[in-house]
């Protein structure tokens, strides 16, 4: 439960102009975006909820890390394929084709955050000794090594 003093600190004009307040707002936007995405999938691919979740997720990401870093992350040359599938999936969801749009988004998300998955699995594996996660992490690392060695 939020205490009254914390709420007053967040509403203070000097506090709200700080980076922390914007980061809190961004985390809230990302959280609501993920919630609406999951809720939209649970309700058999409801296009409105999925579109709202996508908009909240991207706006929250932009608020957390800033517009320049967001564009810098999405429009890097090695990540262009993932970006095009991810943003294309969002456009397809907005055009009310939710199943195809979500498939494109998932593929783009995997391509965009491929380098982050071994770190996340390593962190989860260090928290709890789960053999399945360590095997998945090893396979992802080997797959990434093979993918980076191939010339396209």
Protein backbone atom coordinates (compact mmCIF):
# COMPACT_ATOMS: atom_id res chain seq x y z
CA UNK A 1 0.00 0.00 0.00
CA UNK A 2 1.33 3.46 -0.87
CA UNK A 3 1.79 5.71 2.12
CA UNK A 4 0.55 9.28 2.06
CA UNK A 5 4.07 10.69 2.38
CA UNK A 6 5.21 8.77 -0.72
CA UNK A 7 2.22 10.08 -2.65
CA UNK A 8 2.94 13.63 -1.52
CA UNK A 9 6.59 13.26 -2.53
CA UNK A 10 5.61 12.09 -6.02
CA UNK A 11 3.17 14.98 -6.41
CA UNK A 12 5.78 17.54 -5.32
CA UNK A 13 6.70 19.67 -8.34
CA UNK A 14 10.45 19.40 -7.65
CA UNK A 15 10.23 15.63 -7.32
CA UNK A 16 8.16 15.12 -10.46
CA UNK A 17 10.67 16.86 -12.68
CA UNK A 18 13.33 14.38 -11.66
CA UNK A 19 14.21 11.32 -13.70
CA UNK A 20 12.83 8.99 -11.03
CA UNK A 21 9.27 10.19 -11.42
CA UNK A 22 9.39 9.72 -15.19
CA UNK A 23 10.87 6.26 -14.72
CA UNK A 24 8.04 5.36 -12.34
CA UNK A 25 5.49 6.54 -14.89
CA UNK A 26 7.27 4.59 -17.62
CA UNK A 27 7.32 1.40 -15.57
CA UNK A 28 3.61 1.86 -14.91
CA UNK A 29 2.92 2.31 -18.63
CA UNK A 30 4.95 -0.78 -19.53
CA UNK A 31 3.21 -2.76 -16.79
CA UNK A 32 -0.23 -1.76 -18.00
CA UNK A 33 0.85 -2.46 -21.58
CA UNK A 34 1.92 -6.00 -20.70
CA UNK A 35 -1.30 -6.46 -18.73
CA UNK A 36 -3.46 -5.38 -21.67
CA UNK A 37 -1.46 -7.55 -24.06
CA UNK A 38 -1.92 -10.62 -21.87
CA UNK A 39 -5.58 -9.79 -21.22
CA UNK A 40 -6.14 -9.31 -24.97
CA UNK A 41 -4.62 -12.72 -25.65
CA UNK A 42 -6.74 -14.33 -22.95
CA UNK A 43 -9.87 -12.88 -24.50
CA UNK A 44 -9.18 -14.67 -27.79
CA UNK A 45 -7.07 -12.02 -29.46
CA UNK A 46 -9.20 -8.96 -28.79
CA UNK A 47 -7.78 -6.43 -31.24
CA UNK A 48 -8.63 -3.33 -29.19
CA UNK A 49 -6.93 -4.58 -26.03
CA UNK A 50 -3.88 -5.75 -27.98
CA UNK A 51 -3.57 -2.41 -29.76
CA UNK A 52 -3.95 -0.51 -26.49
CA UNK A 53 -1.33 -2.76 -24.87
CA UNK A 54 1.09 -2.17 -27.73
CA UNK A 55 0.70 1.59 -27.52
CA UNK A 56 1.16 1.60 -23.74
CA UNK A 57 4.19 -0.71 -23.94
CA UNK A 58 6.00 1.39 -26.55
CA UNK A 59 5.17 4.69 -24.86
CA UNK A 60 6.35 3.32 -21.51
CA UNK A 61 9.60 2.14 -23.06
CA UNK A 62 10.12 5.58 -24.58
CA UNK A 63 9.44 7.27 -21.22
CA UNK A 64 11.83 4.97 -19.34
CA UNK A 65 14.86 5.16 -21.60
CA UNK A 66 14.05 8.28 -23.64
CA UNK A 67 13.05 8.82 -27.25
CA UNK A 68 16.59 9.00 -28.62
CA UNK A 69 17.65 5.73 -27.01
CA UNK A 70 14.40 4.05 -28.02
CA UNK A 71 14.91 4.99 -31.67
CA UNK A 72 18.59 4.08 -31.36
CA UNK A 73 17.67 0.63 -30.04
CA UNK A 74 14.98 -0.16 -32.58
CA UNK A 75 16.72 1.21 -35.67
CA UNK A 76 20.16 -0.37 -35.38
CA UNK A 77 21.31 -2.05 -38.56
CA UNK A 78 21.65 -5.58 -37.03
CA UNK A 79 18.20 -5.30 -35.42
CA UNK A 80 16.37 -4.02 -38.48
CA UNK A 81 14.75 -7.39 -39.24
CA UNK A 82 13.36 -7.71 -35.72
CA UNK A 83 12.23 -4.10 -35.69
CA UNK A 84 10.40 -4.43 -38.98
CA UNK A 85 8.55 -7.55 -37.84
CA UNK A 86 7.75 -6.08 -34.41
CA UNK A 87 6.49 -2.72 -35.68
CA UNK A 88 4.80 -4.39 -38.65
CA UNK A 89 2.98 -6.67 -36.23
CA UNK A 90 1.79 -3.64 -34.28
CA UNK A 91 0.47 -2.06 -37.48
CA UNK A 92 -1.30 -5.31 -38.42
CA UNK A 93 -2.90 -5.46 -34.95
CA UNK A 94 -4.04 -1.85 -35.35
CA UNK A 95 -5.60 -2.84 -38.69
CA UNK A 96 -7.63 -5.47 -36.76
CA UNK A 97 -5.81 -8.64 -37.79
CA UNK A 98 -4.77 -9.63 -34.26
CA UNK A 99 -3.61 -13.23 -34.77
CA UNK A 100 -1.27 -12.45 -37.66
CA UNK A 101 -0.10 -9.26 -35.96
CA UNK A 102 0.74 -11.02 -32.71
CA UNK A 103 2.65 -13.76 -34.55
CA UNK A 104 4.70 -11.10 -36.33
CA UNK A 105 5.25 -9.23 -33.05
CA UNK A 106 6.42 -12.33 -31.23
CA UNK A 107 8.89 -13.17 -34.01
CA UNK A 108 10.15 -9.59 -34.03
CA UNK A 109 10.40 -9.51 -30.23
CA UNK A 110 12.50 -12.67 -30.24
CA UNK A 111 14.80 -11.21 -32.90
CA UNK A 112 15.10 -7.88 -31.10
CA UNK A 113 15.83 -9.23 -27.65
CA UNK A 114 17.80 -12.32 -28.68
CA UNK A 115 20.98 -11.08 -27.02
CA UNK A 116 19.11 -10.41 -23.76
CA UNK A 117 17.67 -13.93 -23.36
CA UNK A 118 20.91 -15.64 -22.16
CA UNK A 119 21.35 -12.91 -19.55
CA UNK A 120 17.76 -13.32 -18.34
CA UNK A 121 18.00 -17.12 -18.24
CA UNK A 122 21.33 -16.89 -16.43
CA UNK A 123 19.79 -14.60 -13.83
CA UNK A 124 16.78 -16.88 -13.38
CA UNK A 125 19.08 -19.90 -13.19
CA UNK A 126 21.18 -18.24 -10.51
CA UNK A 127 18.10 -17.50 -8.41
CA UNK A 128 16.85 -21.05 -8.44
CA UNK A 129 18.72 -24.10 -9.64
CA UNK A 130 16.45 -25.16 -12.49
CA UNK A 131 18.14 -27.62 -14.87
CA UNK A 132 15.75 -26.84 -17.73
CA UNK A 133 16.72 -23.14 -17.76
CA UNK A 134 20.43 -23.91 -17.79
CA UNK A 135 19.95 -26.27 -20.76
CA UNK A 136 17.90 -23.65 -22.62
CA UNK A 137 20.56 -21.04 -21.89
CA UNK A 138 23.31 -23.27 -23.28
CA UNK A 139 21.30 -23.96 -26.44
CA UNK A 140 20.61 -20.26 -26.94
CA UNK A 141 24.28 -19.41 -26.50
CA UNK A 142 25.30 -22.08 -29.02
CA UNK A 143 22.59 -20.95 -31.46
CA UNK A 144 23.72 -17.34 -31.13
CA UNK A 145 27.35 -18.33 -31.73
CA UNK A 146 26.39 -20.27 -34.89
CA UNK A 147 24.16 -17.42 -36.08
CA UNK A 148 26.90 -14.80 -35.64
CA UNK A 149 29.49 -16.93 -37.48
CA UNK A 150 27.36 -17.37 -40.59
CA UNK A 151 27.74 -14.79 -43.34
CA UNK A 152 24.48 -13.50 -44.78
